[in-house]
């Protein structure tokens, strides 16, 4: 009888995992729903325009930056929590590499924040493209 009980207990645990793991992945996706998609972003005064793209890969949020060159550059150290987006991008300007840090608050289909680089900072604003 004890063996049957252990087997049922083991099956219950496996069933619990089978139900829980997809729910966790869905919860992660819902957590990032506010930022998923394609965003058209510009610096204050529209001096520079670029695109941010965010999507889920498994249960991880990944993003890419597309600048004036058209190159798609992966975002590094990407976090999104409490409507705050933070990441860095390594871009090439001619023969020089430059690290640009971004921080932004997301409010529905709009974002606003700042980029920071070796030469200073600039305000940024963006809107999410309609699906």
C-alpha atoms as a PDB file:
ATOM      1  CA  UNK A   1       0.000   0.000   0.000  1.00  0.00           C
ATOM      2  CA  UNK A   2       2.878   2.388   0.780  1.00  0.00           C
ATOM      3  CA  UNK A   3       4.351   1.843  -2.692  1.00  0.00           C
ATOM      4  CA  UNK A   4       1.036   2.718  -4.335  1.00  0.00           C
ATOM      5  CA  UNK A   5       0.824   5.871  -2.184  1.00  0.00           C
ATOM      6  CA  UNK A   6       4.370   6.915  -3.183  1.00  0.00           C
ATOM      7  CA  UNK A   7       3.541   6.317  -6.847  1.00  0.00           C
ATOM      8  CA  UNK A   8       0.390   8.452  -6.599  1.00  0.00           C
ATOM      9  CA  UNK A   9       2.327  11.142  -4.760  1.00  0.00           C
ATOM     10  CA  UNK A  10       4.987  11.131  -7.496  1.00  0.00           C
ATOM     11  CA  UNK A  11       2.344  11.335 -10.234  1.00  0.00           C
ATOM     12  CA  UNK A  12       0.670  14.233  -8.449  1.00  0.00           C
ATOM     13  CA  UNK A  13       3.992  16.074  -8.312  1.00  0.00           C
ATOM     14  CA  UNK A  14       4.639  15.497 -12.030  1.00  0.00           C
ATOM     15  CA  UNK A  15       1.129  16.723 -12.833  1.00  0.00           C
ATOM     16  CA  UNK A  16       1.740  19.800 -10.679  1.00  0.00           C
ATOM     17  CA  UNK A  17       4.950  20.568 -12.620  1.00  0.00           C
ATOM     18  CA  UNK A  18       3.253  19.985 -15.968  1.00  0.00           C
ATOM     19  CA  UNK A  19       0.635  22.591 -15.091  1.00  0.00           C
ATOM     20  CA  UNK A  20       2.917  25.054 -13.260  1.00  0.00           C
ATOM     21  CA  UNK A  21       5.741  25.475 -15.769  1.00  0.00           C
ATOM     22  CA  UNK A  22       3.541  26.743 -18.647  1.00  0.00           C
ATOM     23  CA  UNK A  23       1.774  29.057 -16.185  1.00  0.00           C
ATOM     24  CA  UNK A  24       5.114  30.549 -15.135  1.00  0.00           C
ATOM     25  CA  UNK A  25       6.053  31.186 -18.771  1.00  0.00           C
ATOM     26  CA  UNK A  26       2.662  32.813 -19.366  1.00  0.00           C
ATOM     27  CA  UNK A  27       3.131  34.972 -16.261  1.00  0.00           C
ATOM     28  CA  UNK A  28       6.523  36.157 -17.582  1.00  0.00           C
ATOM     29  CA  UNK A  29       4.971  37.014 -20.940  1.00  0.00           C
ATOM     30  CA  UNK A  30       2.192  38.978 -19.222  1.00  0.00           C
ATOM     31  CA  UNK A  31       4.794  40.789 -17.114  1.00  0.00           C
ATOM     32  CA  UNK A  32       6.452  42.074 -20.300  1.00  0.00           C
ATOM     33  CA  UNK A  33       3.264  42.650 -22.327  1.00  0.00           C
ATOM     34  CA  UNK A  34       3.490  46.429 -21.770  1.00  0.00           C
ATOM     35  CA  UNK A  35       6.790  46.635 -23.655  1.00  0.00           C
ATOM     36  CA  UNK A  36       6.477  43.929 -26.332  1.00  0.00           C
ATOM     37  CA  UNK A  37       6.428  45.107 -29.928  1.00  0.00           C
ATOM     38  CA  UNK A  38       8.129  47.685 -32.098  1.00  0.00           C
ATOM     39  CA  UNK A  39       8.757  51.229 -30.880  1.00  0.00           C
ATOM     40  CA  UNK A  40       9.659  54.320 -32.930  1.00  0.00           C
ATOM     41  CA  UNK A  41      11.956  56.424 -30.762  1.00  0.00           C
ATOM     42  CA  UNK A  42      13.629  59.794 -31.191  1.00  0.00           C
ATOM     43  CA  UNK A  43      15.860  62.119 -29.254  1.00  0.00           C
ATOM     44  CA  UNK A  44      14.550  65.472 -28.090  1.00  0.00           C
ATOM     45  CA  UNK A  45      14.159  67.637 -31.165  1.00  0.00           C
ATOM     46  CA  UNK A  46      14.117  64.561 -33.442  1.00  0.00           C
ATOM     47  CA  UNK A  47      17.865  64.875 -34.081  1.00  0.00           C
ATOM     48  CA  UNK A  48      18.179  61.088 -34.124  1.00  0.00           C
ATOM     49  CA  UNK A  49      15.559  58.423 -34.727  1.00  0.00           C
ATOM     50  CA  UNK A  50      15.810  54.714 -34.066  1.00  0.00           C
ATOM     51  CA  UNK A  51      13.684  51.646 -33.449  1.00  0.00           C
ATOM     52  CA  UNK A  52      13.425  49.381 -30.413  1.00  0.00           C
ATOM     53  CA  UNK A  53      12.020  45.867 -30.863  1.00  0.00           C
ATOM     54  CA  UNK A  54      11.053  43.698 -27.890  1.00  0.00           C
ATOM     55  CA  UNK A  55       9.884  40.087 -27.951  1.00  0.00           C
ATOM     56  CA  UNK A  56       9.806  36.979 -25.818  1.00  0.00           C
ATOM     57  CA  UNK A  57      12.270  34.170 -26.378  1.00  0.00           C
ATOM     58  CA  UNK A  58      11.071  31.363 -24.147  1.00  0.00           C
ATOM     59  CA  UNK A  59      10.456  33.092 -20.830  1.00  0.00           C
ATOM     60  CA  UNK A  60      13.080  35.813 -21.448  1.00  0.00           C
ATOM     61  CA  UNK A  61      12.562  39.322 -22.747  1.00  0.00           C
ATOM     62  CA  UNK A  62      14.977  40.150 -25.564  1.00  0.00           C
ATOM     63  CA  UNK A  63      15.366  43.360 -27.492  1.00  0.00           C
ATOM     64  CA  UNK A  64      17.141  44.885 -30.425  1.00  0.00           C
ATOM     65  CA  UNK A  65      18.055  48.400 -31.490  1.00  0.00           C
ATOM     66  CA  UNK A  66      17.923  49.551 -35.099  1.00  0.00           C
ATOM     67  CA  UNK A  67      19.718  52.818 -35.769  1.00  0.00           C
ATOM     68  CA  UNK A  68      20.222  54.986 -38.840  1.00  0.00           C
ATOM     69  CA  UNK A  69      22.577  52.406 -40.379  1.00  0.00           C
ATOM     70  CA  UNK A  70      19.743  49.867 -40.430  1.00  0.00           C
ATOM     71  CA  UNK A  71      21.821  47.356 -38.477  1.00  0.00           C
ATOM     72  CA  UNK A  72      19.937  45.375 -35.846  1.00  0.00           C
ATOM     73  CA  UNK A  73      21.960  45.376 -32.629  1.00  0.00           C
ATOM     74  CA  UNK A  74      21.076  43.193 -29.628  1.00  0.00           C
ATOM     75  CA  UNK A  75      20.302  44.994 -26.382  1.00  0.00           C
ATOM     76  CA  UNK A  76      22.497  44.095 -23.423  1.00  0.00           C
ATOM     77  CA  UNK A  77      21.568  43.924 -19.724  1.00  0.00           C
ATOM     78  CA  UNK A  78      17.907  44.382 -20.631  1.00  0.00           C
ATOM     79  CA  UNK A  79      15.532  44.721 -17.681  1.00  0.00           C
ATOM     80  CA  UNK A  80      11.906  45.751 -17.426  1.00  0.00           C
ATOM     81  CA  UNK A  81      10.357  46.140 -14.010  1.00  0.00           C
ATOM     82  CA  UNK A  82       7.750  48.513 -12.548  1.00  0.00           C
ATOM     83  CA  UNK A  83       7.283  50.098 -15.996  1.00  0.00           C
ATOM     84  CA  UNK A  84      10.987  50.982 -16.146  1.00  0.00           C
ATOM     85  CA  UNK A  85      13.049  49.830 -19.099  1.00  0.00           C
ATOM     86  CA  UNK A  86      16.853  49.712 -18.819  1.00  0.00           C
ATOM     87  CA  UNK A  87      19.388  48.422 -21.343  1.00  0.00           C
ATOM     88  CA  UNK A  88      22.643  49.163 -23.147  1.00  0.00           C
ATOM     89  CA  UNK A  89      23.646  49.005 -26.799  1.00  0.00           C
ATOM     90  CA  UNK A  90      27.129  48.859 -28.324  1.00  0.00           C
ATOM     91  CA  UNK A  91      27.001  50.790 -31.593  1.00  0.00           C
ATOM     92  CA  UNK A  92      29.692  51.476 -34.158  1.00  0.00           C
ATOM     93  CA  UNK A  93      30.161  55.001 -35.414  1.00  0.00           C
ATOM     94  CA  UNK A  94      32.675  54.694 -38.200  1.00  0.00           C
ATOM     95  CA  UNK A  95      35.638  52.845 -36.764  1.00  0.00           C
ATOM     96  CA  UNK A  96      34.702  53.639 -33.154  1.00  0.00           C
ATOM     97  CA  UNK A  97      32.545  51.568 -30.842  1.00  0.00           C
ATOM     98  CA  UNK A  98      30.341  53.415 -28.408  1.00  0.00           C
ATOM     99  CA  UNK A  99      28.267  52.180 -25.474  1.00  0.00           C
ATOM    100  CA  UNK A 100      24.873  53.870 -25.095  1.00  0.00           C
ATOM    101  CA  UNK A 101      22.807  53.317 -21.944  1.00  0.00           C
ATOM    102  CA  UNK A 102      19.029  53.764 -22.100  1.00  0.00           C
ATOM    103  CA  UNK A 103      16.471  54.226 -19.344  1.00  0.00           C
ATOM    104  CA  UNK A 104      12.798  54.876 -19.998  1.00  0.00           C
ATOM    105  CA  UNK A 105       9.411  54.743 -18.327  1.00  0.00           C
ATOM    106  CA  UNK A 106       6.665  52.987 -20.277  1.00  0.00           C
ATOM    107  CA  UNK A 107       3.124  54.366 -20.065  1.00  0.00           C
ATOM    108  CA  UNK A 108       0.746  52.345 -22.233  1.00  0.00           C
ATOM    109  CA  UNK A 109       1.933  52.925 -25.841  1.00  0.00           C
ATOM    110  CA  UNK A 110       4.405  55.698 -25.026  1.00  0.00           C
ATOM    111  CA  UNK A 111       7.835  55.818 -23.466  1.00  0.00           C
ATOM    112  CA  UNK A 112      10.031  58.640 -22.259  1.00  0.00           C
ATOM    113  CA  UNK A 113      13.476  58.631 -20.776  1.00  0.00           C
ATOM    114  CA  UNK A 114      17.104  59.290 -21.461  1.00  0.00           C
ATOM    115  CA  UNK A 115      20.092  57.962 -23.316  1.00  0.00           C
ATOM    116  CA  UNK A 116      23.531  58.372 -21.842  1.00  0.00           C
ATOM    117  CA  UNK A 117      26.883  58.049 -23.577  1.00  0.00           C
ATOM    118  CA  UNK A 118      30.440  59.231 -23.354  1.00  0.00           C
ATOM    119  CA  UNK A 119      29.532  62.632 -24.852  1.00  0.00           C
ATOM    120  CA  UNK A 120      26.553  63.389 -22.617  1.00  0.00           C
ATOM    121  CA  UNK A 121      22.858  62.652 -22.291  1.00  0.00           C
ATOM    122  CA  UNK A 122      19.731  63.287 -24.326  1.00  0.00           C
ATOM    123  CA  UNK A 123      16.015  62.949 -23.666  1.00  0.00           C
ATOM    124  CA  UNK A 124      14.156  60.329 -25.693  1.00  0.00           C
ATOM    125  CA  UNK A 125      10.485  59.719 -26.439  1.00  0.00           C
ATOM    126  CA  UNK A 126       8.817  56.911 -28.303  1.00  0.00           C
ATOM    127  CA  UNK A 127       5.544  55.367 -29.389  1.00  0.00           C
ATOM    128  CA  UNK A 128       4.673  51.736 -29.947  1.00  0.00           C
ATOM    129  CA  UNK A 129       3.636  50.829 -33.488  1.00  0.00           C
ATOM    130  CA  UNK A 130       0.130  49.514 -33.885  1.00  0.00           C
ATOM    131  CA  UNK A 131       0.010  45.759 -34.515  1.00  0.00           C
END
